[in-house]
PDB file of N, CA and C in Angstrom:
ATOM      1  N   MET A   1       0.765  -1.219  -0.319  1.00  0.00           N
ATOM      2  CA  MET A   1       0.010  -0.182   0.211  1.00  0.00           C
ATOM      3  C   MET A   1       0.508   1.465  -0.199  1.00  0.00           C
ATOM      4  N   ALA A   2       0.461   2.316  -0.964  1.00  0.00           N
ATOM      5  CA  ALA A   2       1.302   3.608  -1.124  1.00  0.00           C
ATOM      6  C   ALA A   2       1.100   4.534   0.160  1.00  0.00           C
ATOM      7  N   GLN A   3       2.482   5.180   1.131  1.00  0.00           N
ATOM      8  CA  GLN A   3       2.310   6.233   1.742  1.00  0.00           C
ATOM      9  C   GLN A   3       1.500   6.875   1.948  1.00  0.00           C
ATOM     10  N   ASN A   4       0.333   7.886   2.280  1.00  0.00           N
ATOM     11  CA  ASN A   4       0.640   8.589   2.137  1.00  0.00           C
ATOM     12  C   ASN A   4       0.814   9.643   3.404  1.00  0.00           C
ATOM     13  N   GLN A   5       1.107  10.453   3.033  1.00  0.00           N
ATOM     14  CA  GLN A   5       1.890  11.338   3.809  1.00  0.00           C
ATOM     15  C   GLN A   5       2.688  11.301   4.917  1.00  0.00           C
ATOM     16  N   ALA A   6       2.714   9.850   5.548  1.00  0.00           N
ATOM     17  CA  ALA A   6       3.515   9.367   6.346  1.00  0.00           C
ATOM     18  C   ALA A   6       4.824   9.439   6.814  1.00  0.00           C
ATOM     19  N   ALA A   7       4.791  10.089   8.403  1.00  0.00           N
ATOM     20  CA  ALA A   7       5.996  10.839   9.479  1.00  0.00           C
ATOM     21  C   ALA A   7       7.226   9.645   9.080  1.00  0.00           C
ATOM     22  N   VAL A   8       8.374   9.840   8.665  1.00  0.00           N
ATOM     23  CA  VAL A   8       9.288   8.943   8.912  1.00  0.00           C
ATOM     24  C   VAL A   8      10.528   9.469   9.169  1.00  0.00           C
ATOM     25  N   LEU A   9      10.351   8.420  10.629  1.00  0.00           N
ATOM     26  CA  LEU A   9      11.950   9.492  11.634  1.00  0.00           C
ATOM     27  C   LEU A   9      13.147   8.747  10.952  1.00  0.00           C
ATOM     28  N   VAL A  10      14.099  10.623  10.402  1.00  0.00           N
ATOM     29  CA  VAL A  10      15.860   9.254   9.669  1.00  0.00           C
ATOM     30  C   VAL A  10      16.575  10.150  10.681  1.00  0.00           C
ATOM     31  N   ASP A  11      17.721   9.345  11.104  1.00  0.00           N
ATOM     32  CA  ASP A  11      18.780   9.652  12.186  1.00  0.00           C
ATOM     33  C   ASP A  11      19.770   9.272  11.186  1.00  0.00           C
ATOM     34  N   LYS A  12      21.025  10.197  11.831  1.00  0.00           N
ATOM     35  CA  LYS A  12      22.512   9.768  10.857  1.00  0.00           C
ATOM     36  C   LYS A  12      23.218   8.555  11.113  1.00  0.00           C
ATOM     37  N   ASP A  13      22.781   7.913  11.937  1.00  0.00           N
ATOM     38  CA  ASP A  13      23.700   6.877  11.841  1.00  0.00           C
ATOM     39  C   ASP A  13      23.136   5.844  10.666  1.00  0.00           C
ATOM     40  N   ASP A  14      22.139   5.856   9.833  1.00  0.00           N
ATOM     41  CA  ASP A  14      21.764   4.175   9.063  1.00  0.00           C
ATOM     42  C   ASP A  14      20.792   5.553   8.136  1.00  0.00           C
ATOM     43  N   TRP A  15      20.931   4.342   7.140  1.00  0.00           N
ATOM     44  CA  TRP A  15      19.955   4.350   6.076  1.00  0.00           C
ATOM     45  C   TRP A  15      18.439   4.003   6.215  1.00  0.00           C
ATOM     46  N   TYR A  16      17.037   4.839   6.214  1.00  0.00           N
ATOM     47  CA  TYR A  16      15.790   4.544   6.359  1.00  0.00           C
ATOM     48  C   TYR A  16      14.793   4.900   5.244  1.00  0.00           C
ATOM     49  N   GLN A  17      14.012   3.220   4.658  1.00  0.00           N
ATOM     50  CA  GLN A  17      13.458   3.731   3.709  1.00  0.00           C
ATOM     51  C   GLN A  17      12.303   4.717   3.741  1.00  0.00           C
ATOM     52  N   LEU A  18      12.481   5.604   2.605  1.00  0.00           N
ATOM     53  CA  LEU A  18      11.312   6.504   2.463  1.00  0.00           C
ATOM     54  C   LEU A  18      10.171   5.838   1.980  1.00  0.00           C
ATOM     55  N   THR A  19      10.588   4.670   1.186  1.00  0.00           N
ATOM     56  CA  THR A  19       9.358   4.323  -0.206  1.00  0.00           C
ATOM     57  C   THR A  19       8.796   3.023   1.247  1.00  0.00           C
ATOM     58  N   ASN A  20       7.256   2.759   0.547  1.00  0.00           N
ATOM     59  CA  ASN A  20       6.596   1.659   1.605  1.00  0.00           C
ATOM     60  C   ASN A  20       7.136   0.867   0.964  1.00  0.00           C
ATOM     61  N   ALA A  21       7.044   0.646  -0.501  1.00  0.00           N
ATOM     62  CA  ALA A  21       6.964  -0.847  -1.370  1.00  0.00           C
ATOM     63  C   ALA A  21       8.187  -0.247  -2.686  1.00  0.00           C
ATOM     64  N   ASP A  22       8.043  -1.577  -3.431  1.00  0.00           N
ATOM     65  CA  ASP A  22       8.550  -0.577  -5.038  1.00  0.00           C
ATOM     66  C   ASP A  22       7.715   0.854  -5.559  1.00  0.00           C
ATOM     67  N   ALA A  23       8.109   1.872  -5.712  1.00  0.00           N
ATOM     68  CA  ALA A  23       7.861   3.125  -5.757  1.00  0.00           C
ATOM     69  C   ALA A  23       8.308   3.328  -7.316  1.00  0.00           C
ATOM     70  N   THR A  24       7.779   4.313  -8.143  1.00  0.00           N
ATOM     71  CA  THR A  24       8.199   5.199  -9.470  1.00  0.00           C
ATOM     72  C   THR A  24       8.120   6.349  -9.128  1.00  0.00           C
ATOM     73  N   ALA A  25       7.771   7.020  -8.529  1.00  0.00           N
ATOM     74  CA  ALA A  25       7.745   8.675  -8.200  1.00  0.00           C
ATOM     75  C   ALA A  25       6.967   8.629  -6.229  1.00  0.00           C
ATOM     76  N   ILE A  26       8.130   9.856  -5.897  1.00  0.00           N
ATOM     77  CA  ILE A  26       7.868  10.465  -4.300  1.00  0.00           C
ATOM     78  C   ILE A  26       8.053  11.827  -4.506  1.00  0.00           C
ATOM     79  N   SER A  27       7.091  12.054  -2.956  1.00  0.00           N
ATOM     80  CA  SER A  27       6.801  13.029  -2.006  1.00  0.00           C
ATOM     81  C   SER A  27       7.357  13.039  -1.346  1.00  0.00           C
ATOM     82  N   PHE A  28       8.230  15.073  -0.936  1.00  0.00           N
ATOM     83  CA  PHE A  28       8.445  14.068   0.591  1.00  0.00           C
ATOM     84  C   PHE A  28       9.464  15.849   1.355  1.00  0.00           C
ATOM     85  N   GLN A  29       8.703  16.044   2.337  1.00  0.00           N
ATOM     86  CA  GLN A  29       9.066  17.536   2.589  1.00  0.00           C
ATOM     87  C   GLN A  29       9.477  16.747   4.644  1.00  0.00           C
ATOM     88  N   ILE A  30      10.831  17.822   4.223  1.00  0.00           N
ATOM     89  CA  ILE A  30      11.643  17.560   6.432  1.00  0.00           C
ATOM     90  C   ILE A  30      10.527  18.456   7.390  1.00  0.00           C
ATOM     91  N   VAL A  31      10.044  18.066   7.745  1.00  0.00           N
ATOM     92  CA  VAL A  31       8.737  18.947   9.171  1.00  0.00           C
ATOM     93  C   VAL A  31       9.899  19.697   9.793  1.00  0.00           C
ATOM     94  N   THR A  32      10.480  18.608  10.063  1.00  0.00           N
ATOM     95  CA  THR A  32      11.516  19.525  11.937  1.00  0.00           C
ATOM     96  C   THR A  32      12.785  20.268  11.523  1.00  0.00           C
ATOM     97  N   ASP A  33      13.055  20.525  12.736  1.00  0.00           N
ATOM     98  CA  ASP A  33      14.511  21.282  12.951  1.00  0.00           C
ATOM     99  C   ASP A  33      14.337  22.634  12.423  1.00  0.00           C
ATOM    100  N   GLU A  34      13.975  23.775  13.770  1.00  0.00           N
ATOM    101  CA  GLU A  34      13.519  24.414  12.836  1.00  0.00           C
ATOM    102  C   GLU A  34      14.827  25.863  12.856  1.00  0.00           C
ATOM    103  N   GLU A  35      16.231  24.989  13.301  1.00  0.00           N
ATOM    104  CA  GLU A  35      17.376  25.859  13.050  1.00  0.00           C
ATOM    105  C   GLU A  35      17.362  25.819  11.467  1.00  0.00           C
ATOM    106  N   TRP A  36      16.774  25.000  10.500  1.00  0.00           N
ATOM    107  CA  TRP A  36      17.299  25.154   9.887  1.00  0.00           C
ATOM    108  C   TRP A  36      19.168  24.706   8.793  1.00  0.00           C
ATOM    109  N   ARG A  37      19.144  24.282   9.509  1.00  0.00           N
ATOM    110  CA  ARG A  37      21.437  24.164   9.431  1.00  0.00           C
ATOM    111  C   ARG A  37      21.081  22.508   9.117  1.00  0.00           C
ATOM    112  N   ASN A  38      19.887  21.120   9.085  1.00  0.00           N
ATOM    113  CA  ASN A  38      20.406  20.005   8.453  1.00  0.00           C
ATOM    114  C   ASN A  38      19.925  19.422   7.916  1.00  0.00           C
ATOM    115  N   GLY A  39      19.529  18.506   7.176  1.00  0.00           N
ATOM    116  CA  GLY A  39      18.957  17.842   6.012  1.00  0.00           C
ATOM    117  C   GLY A  39      18.943  16.371   6.235  1.00  0.00           C
ATOM    118  N   ILE A  40      19.416  15.981   4.871  1.00  0.00           N
ATOM    119  CA  ILE A  40      18.981  14.499   4.058  1.00  0.00           C
ATOM    120  C   ILE A  40      19.856  14.680   3.406  1.00  0.00           C
ATOM    121  N   PHE A  41      20.925  13.176   3.326  1.00  0.00           N
ATOM    122  CA  PHE A  41      20.935  12.387   2.929  1.00  0.00           C
ATOM    123  C   PHE A  41      20.257  11.187   1.610  1.00  0.00           C
ATOM    124  N   VAL A  42      19.912  11.181   0.391  1.00  0.00           N
ATOM    125  CA  VAL A  42      19.017  10.702  -0.644  1.00  0.00           C
ATOM    126  C   VAL A  42      19.820   9.468  -1.685  1.00  0.00           C
ATOM    127  N   ARG A  43      19.165   8.284  -1.144  1.00  0.00           N
ATOM    128  CA  ARG A  43      19.994   7.995  -2.826  1.00  0.00           C
ATOM    129  C   ARG A  43      18.712   6.670  -3.152  1.00  0.00           C
ATOM    130  N   VAL A  44      18.544   5.652  -4.136  1.00  0.00           N
ATOM    131  CA  VAL A  44      17.748   4.674  -4.327  1.00  0.00           C
ATOM    132  C   VAL A  44      18.246   3.374  -5.005  1.00  0.00           C
ATOM    133  N   THR A  45      17.765   2.208  -4.232  1.00  0.00           N
ATOM    134  CA  THR A  45      18.181   1.142  -5.180  1.00  0.00           C
ATOM    135  C   THR A  45      17.408   0.285  -6.088  1.00  0.00           C
ATOM    136  N   ASP A  46      17.997  -0.792  -6.446  1.00  0.00           N
ATOM    137  CA  ASP A  46      16.634  -1.534  -7.028  1.00  0.00           C
ATOM    138  C   ASP A  46      15.999  -2.431  -6.521  1.00  0.00           C
ATOM    139  N   ASP A  47      16.339  -2.848  -5.442  1.00  0.00           N
ATOM    140  CA  ASP A  47      15.267  -2.981  -4.701  1.00  0.00           C
ATOM    141  C   ASP A  47      15.492  -3.308  -2.671  1.00  0.00           C
ATOM    142  N   ALA A  48      15.260  -3.699  -2.337  1.00  0.00           N
ATOM    143  CA  ALA A  48      14.991  -3.743  -0.883  1.00  0.00           C
ATOM    144  C   ALA A  48      16.412  -3.323  -0.040  1.00  0.00           C
ATOM    145  N   THR A  49      17.474  -3.182  -1.036  1.00  0.00           N
ATOM    146  CA  THR A  49      18.721  -3.728   0.058  1.00  0.00           C
ATOM    147  C   THR A  49      19.404  -2.282   0.214  1.00  0.00           C
ATOM    148  N   LYS A  50      19.725  -2.124   1.451  1.00  0.00           N
ATOM    149  CA  LYS A  50      20.613  -0.909   1.925  1.00  0.00           C
ATOM    150  C   LYS A  50      21.461  -0.560   1.033  1.00  0.00           C
ATOM    151  N   PRO A  51      21.306   1.205   1.185  1.00  0.00           N
ATOM    152  CA  PRO A  51      22.737   1.391   0.170  1.00  0.00           C
ATOM    153  C   PRO A  51      23.771   1.268   1.429  1.00  0.00           C
ATOM    154  N   THR A  52      24.562   1.427   0.654  1.00  0.00           N
ATOM    155  CA  THR A  52      26.420   1.348   1.433  1.00  0.00           C
ATOM    156  C   THR A  52      27.346   2.655   1.373  1.00  0.00           C
ATOM    157  N   GLU A  53      27.284   3.077   0.724  1.00  0.00           N
ATOM    158  CA  GLU A  53      27.685   4.405   0.524  1.00  0.00           C
ATOM    159  C   GLU A  53      26.950   5.690   2.175  1.00  0.00           C
ATOM    160  N   GLU A  54      28.427   6.315   2.212  1.00  0.00           N
ATOM    161  CA  GLU A  54      27.950   7.438   2.471  1.00  0.00           C
ATOM    162  C   GLU A  54      27.184   8.478   2.829  1.00  0.00           C
ATOM    163  N   TYR A  55      27.156   9.579   1.119  1.00  0.00           N
ATOM    164  CA  TYR A  55      26.438  10.280   0.709  1.00  0.00           C
ATOM    165  C   TYR A  55      25.255   9.580  -0.235  1.00  0.00           C
ATOM    166  N   GLY A  56      24.795  10.863  -0.350  1.00  0.00           N
ATOM    167  CA  GLY A  56      23.737  10.157  -1.816  1.00  0.00           C
ATOM    168  C   GLY A  56      23.571  12.276  -1.661  1.00  0.00           C
ATOM    169  N   PHE A  57      22.070  12.717  -2.923  1.00  0.00           N
ATOM    170  CA  PHE A  57      22.046  13.391  -2.846  1.00  0.00           C
ATOM    171  C   PHE A  57      21.220  14.434  -1.634  1.00  0.00           C
ATOM    172  N   ARG A  58      21.860  15.877  -1.310  1.00  0.00           N
ATOM    173  CA  ARG A  58      21.205  16.587  -0.145  1.00  0.00           C
ATOM    174  C   ARG A  58      20.218  17.328  -0.981  1.00  0.00           C
ATOM    175  N   TYR A  59      19.598  17.042   0.243  1.00  0.00           N
ATOM    176  CA  TYR A  59      17.563  18.167   0.850  1.00  0.00           C
ATOM    177  C   TYR A  59      18.245  18.845   1.710  1.00  0.00           C
ATOM    178  N   ASN A  60      17.924  20.225   1.874  1.00  0.00           N
ATOM    179  CA  ASN A  60      17.990  20.903   3.010  1.00  0.00           C
ATOM    180  C   ASN A  60      16.808  20.904   3.901  1.00  0.00           C
ATOM    181  N   THR A  61      16.633  20.877   4.872  1.00  0.00           N
ATOM    182  CA  THR A  61      15.311  21.882   5.392  1.00  0.00           C
ATOM    183  C   THR A  61      14.505  22.895   5.040  1.00  0.00           C
ATOM    184  N   LYS A  62      15.310  23.253   4.849  1.00  0.00           N
ATOM    185  CA  LYS A  62      15.436  25.118   4.093  1.00  0.00           C
ATOM    186  C   LYS A  62      14.465  24.758   2.450  1.00  0.00           C
ATOM    187  N   SER A  63      13.850  23.713   2.422  1.00  0.00           N
ATOM    188  CA  SER A  63      13.625  23.000   0.681  1.00  0.00           C
ATOM    189  C   SER A  63      11.920  22.602   1.161  1.00  0.00           C
ATOM    190  N   GLU A  64      11.261  23.688   0.016  1.00  0.00           N
ATOM    191  CA  GLU A  64      10.143  23.462   0.167  1.00  0.00           C
ATOM    192  C   GLU A  64       9.786  21.991  -0.755  1.00  0.00           C
ATOM    193  N   LEU A  65       8.963  21.737  -0.322  1.00  0.00           N
ATOM    194  CA  LEU A  65       7.921  19.845  -1.243  1.00  0.00           C
ATOM    195  C   LEU A  65       9.197  19.629  -2.174  1.00  0.00           C
ATOM    196  N   THR A  66       9.093  18.563  -1.541  1.00  0.00           N
ATOM    197  CA  THR A  66       9.897  17.614  -3.268  1.00  0.00           C
ATOM    198  C   THR A  66       8.787  16.822  -3.483  1.00  0.00           C
ATOM    199  N   TYR A  67       7.920  17.532  -5.096  1.00  0.00           N
ATOM    200  CA  TYR A  67       7.221  16.841  -5.107  1.00  0.00           C
ATOM    201  C   TYR A  67       7.185  15.961  -6.448  1.00  0.00           C
ATOM    202  N   ASN A  68       6.151  14.689  -6.538  1.00  0.00           N
ATOM    203  CA  ASN A  68       6.361  13.686  -7.309  1.00  0.00           C
ATOM    204  C   ASN A  68       7.534  13.465  -8.076  1.00  0.00           C
ATOM    205  N   LEU A  69       9.198  13.503  -7.398  1.00  0.00           N
ATOM    206  CA  LEU A  69       9.826  12.993  -7.900  1.00  0.00           C
ATOM    207  C   LEU A  69       9.654  11.693  -8.871  1.00  0.00           C
ATOM    208  N   THR A  70      10.400  11.282  -9.870  1.00  0.00           N
ATOM    209  CA  THR A  70      10.654  10.646 -10.044  1.00  0.00           C
ATOM    210  C   THR A  70      12.058   9.521  -9.734  1.00  0.00           C
ATOM    211  N   LEU A  71      11.497   8.396  -9.343  1.00  0.00           N
ATOM    212  CA  LEU A  71      13.179   7.676  -8.942  1.00  0.00           C
ATOM    213  C   LEU A  71      13.985   7.130  -9.824  1.00  0.00           C
ATOM    214  N   LEU A  72      13.849   7.088 -11.380  1.00  0.00           N
ATOM    215  CA  LEU A  72      15.182   7.470 -12.524  1.00  0.00           C
ATOM    216  C   LEU A  72      15.755   8.626 -12.247  1.00  0.00           C
ATOM    217  N   SER A  73      14.916   9.931 -11.671  1.00  0.00           N
ATOM    218  CA  SER A  73      16.183  11.683 -11.786  1.00  0.00           C
ATOM    219  C   SER A  73      16.889  10.948 -10.588  1.00  0.00           C
ATOM    220  N   LEU A  74      16.806  10.700  -9.611  1.00  0.00           N
ATOM    221  CA  LEU A  74      17.897  10.383  -8.859  1.00  0.00           C
ATOM    222  C   LEU A  74      18.710   9.349  -8.556  1.00  0.00           C
ATOM    223  N   ARG A  75      18.876   8.786  -9.713  1.00  0.00           N
ATOM    224  CA  ARG A  75      20.129   8.076 -10.537  1.00  0.00           C
ATOM    225  C   ARG A  75      20.616   7.593 -11.721  1.00  0.00           C
ATOM    226  N   ALA A  76      21.269   8.296 -12.178  1.00  0.00           N
ATOM    227  CA  ALA A  76      22.564   7.775 -13.014  1.00  0.00           C
ATOM    228  C   ALA A  76      23.060   6.377 -13.791  1.00  0.00           C
ATOM    229  N   GLY A  77      22.557   6.502 -15.038  1.00  0.00           N
ATOM    230  CA  GLY A  77      23.243   5.520 -15.614  1.00  0.00           C
ATOM    231  C   GLY A  77      22.180   4.071 -15.838  1.00  0.00           C
ATOM    232  N   ALA A  78      22.769   2.814 -15.869  1.00  0.00           N
ATOM    233  CA  ALA A  78      21.513   2.230 -16.010  1.00  0.00           C
ATOM    234  C   ALA A  78      20.996   1.291 -14.291  1.00  0.00           C
ATOM    235  N   GLY A  79      19.761   0.911 -14.639  1.00  0.00           N
ATOM    236  CA  GLY A  79      19.448   0.382 -13.345  1.00  0.00           C
ATOM    237  C   GLY A  79      17.554  -0.192 -13.443  1.00  0.00           C
ATOM    238  N   ALA A  80      16.558   0.003 -12.980  1.00  0.00           N
ATOM    239  CA  ALA A  80      15.652   0.479 -12.996  1.00  0.00           C
ATOM    240  C   ALA A  80      15.152   0.769 -11.423  1.00  0.00           C
ATOM    241  N   PRO A  81      15.481   1.521 -10.219  1.00  0.00           N
ATOM    242  CA  PRO A  81      15.656   2.413  -8.948  1.00  0.00           C
ATOM    243  C   PRO A  81      13.984   2.139  -8.923  1.00  0.00           C
ATOM    244  N   LYS A  82      13.998   1.696  -7.455  1.00  0.00           N
ATOM    245  CA  LYS A  82      12.664   0.621  -6.780  1.00  0.00           C
ATOM    246  C   LYS A  82      11.954   1.602  -5.267  1.00  0.00           C
ATOM    247  N   ARG A  83      13.240   1.110  -4.918  1.00  0.00           N
ATOM    248  CA  ARG A  83      13.583   1.772  -3.123  1.00  0.00           C
ATOM    249  C   ARG A  83      14.199   3.532  -3.080  1.00  0.00           C
ATOM    250  N   VAL A  84      13.615   4.408  -2.713  1.00  0.00           N
ATOM    251  CA  VAL A  84      14.033   5.074  -1.710  1.00  0.00           C
ATOM    252  C   VAL A  84      14.755   5.042  -0.360  1.00  0.00           C
ATOM    253  N   TRP A  85      15.509   5.379   0.405  1.00  0.00           N
ATOM    254  CA  TRP A  85      16.841   5.733   1.097  1.00  0.00           C
ATOM    255  C   TRP A  85      16.779   6.989   2.055  1.00  0.00           C
ATOM    256  N   ALA A  86      16.864   7.894   2.851  1.00  0.00           N
ATOM    257  CA  ALA A  86      17.413   8.668   3.619  1.00  0.00           C
ATOM    258  C   ALA A  86      17.964   9.133   4.510  1.00  0.00           C
ATOM    259  N   LYS A  87      19.352   9.894   4.717  1.00  0.00           N
ATOM    260  CA  LYS A  87      20.218   9.489   6.276  1.00  0.00           C
ATOM    261  C   LYS A  87      20.110  10.236   6.213  1.00  0.00           C
ATOM    262  N   ALA A  88      20.626  11.496   7.479  1.00  0.00           N
ATOM    263  CA  ALA A  88      20.387  12.508   8.323  1.00  0.00           C
ATOM    264  C   ALA A  88      21.585  13.188   8.149  1.00  0.00           C
ATOM    265  N   LEU A  89      21.901  14.438   7.523  1.00  0.00           N
ATOM    266  CA  LEU A  89      22.866  15.122   7.902  1.00  0.00           C
ATOM    267  C   LEU A  89      23.733  15.564   8.784  1.00  0.00           C
ATOM    268  N   ARG A  90      23.150  15.390  10.101  1.00  0.00           N
ATOM    269  CA  ARG A  90      23.745  16.483  11.518  1.00  0.00           C
ATOM    270  C   ARG A  90      22.452  15.204  12.562  1.00  0.00           C
ATOM    271  N   ASP A  91      21.190  15.669  12.530  1.00  0.00           N
ATOM    272  CA  ASP A  91      20.724  15.469  13.601  1.00  0.00           C
ATOM    273  C   ASP A  91      18.748  14.671  13.437  1.00  0.00           C
ATOM    274  N   ALA A  92      18.196  13.744  13.905  1.00  0.00           N
ATOM    275  CA  ALA A  92      17.174  12.610  13.068  1.00  0.00           C
ATOM    276  C   ALA A  92      16.674  14.172  12.864  1.00  0.00           C
ATOM    277  N   VAL A  93      15.547  13.524  11.946  1.00  0.00           N
ATOM    278  CA  VAL A  93      14.240  14.808  11.022  1.00  0.00           C
ATOM    279  C   VAL A  93      13.507  13.939  10.852  1.00  0.00           C
ATOM    280  N   VAL A  94      12.270  14.146  11.109  1.00  0.00           N
ATOM    281  CA  VAL A  94      11.071  13.876  10.621  1.00  0.00           C
ATOM    282  C   VAL A  94      10.531  13.869   8.470  1.00  0.00           C
ATOM    283  N   VAL A  95      10.829  13.390   8.190  1.00  0.00           N
ATOM    284  CA  VAL A  95      10.192  13.403   7.035  1.00  0.00           C
ATOM    285  C   VAL A  95       8.800  12.902   6.470  1.00  0.00           C
ATOM    286  N   ILE A  96       7.789  13.622   5.676  1.00  0.00           N
ATOM    287  CA  ILE A  96       6.800  13.581   5.632  1.00  0.00           C
ATOM    288  C   ILE A  96       6.645  12.950   4.222  1.00  0.00           C
ATOM    289  N   VAL A  97       6.385  11.664   4.224  1.00  0.00           N
ATOM    290  CA  VAL A  97       6.578  10.862   2.520  1.00  0.00           C
ATOM    291  C   VAL A  97       4.999  10.404   1.748  1.00  0.00           C
ATOM    292  N   SER A  98       4.730  11.031   0.428  1.00  0.00           N
ATOM    293  CA  SER A  98       3.998  10.102   0.295  1.00  0.00           C
ATOM    294  C   SER A  98       4.886   9.123  -0.786  1.00  0.00           C
ATOM    295  N   ASP A  99       4.577   8.116  -1.726  1.00  0.00           N
ATOM    296  CA  ASP A  99       5.224   7.844  -2.572  1.00  0.00           C
ATOM    297  C   ASP A  99       3.829   6.593  -3.154  1.00  0.00           C
ATOM    298  N   ASN A 100       4.233   6.199  -4.959  1.00  0.00           N
ATOM    299  CA  ASN A 100       2.866   5.281  -5.538  1.00  0.00           C
ATOM    300  C   ASN A 100       3.474   3.748  -4.970  1.00  0.00           C
ATOM    301  N   SER A 101       3.503   3.423  -4.217  1.00  0.00           N
ATOM    302  CA  SER A 101       3.848   2.184  -4.033  1.00  0.00           C
ATOM    303  C   SER A 101       2.950   1.582  -5.145  1.00  0.00           C
ATOM    304  N   LEU A 102       3.860   0.734  -6.220  1.00  0.00           N
ATOM    305  CA  LEU A 102       3.589  -1.052  -6.839  1.00  0.00           C
ATOM    306  C   LEU A 102       2.210  -1.523  -6.400  1.00  0.00           C
TER     307      LEU A 102
END
């Protein structure tokens, strides 16, 4: 079942899956951190395997809603990304997520 504005707690010590299952697009917004100096790294994978990389695309807490972002736009090269993962830059944050889980 697709996530519809689900709250996901994302910490800095591990990758947390934002998508509920396989998806092709995602919308998300970081809703905590009043100082606006934090954010998240975002990565995609082709399956439910957690990323092993340290970094990913960076989104700040100042960013507006990231709306209907295709998973293909987060992947350079071959492959068919299906899952989105996030890791906080500094302190844990809450991310509100909507996806189109298949």
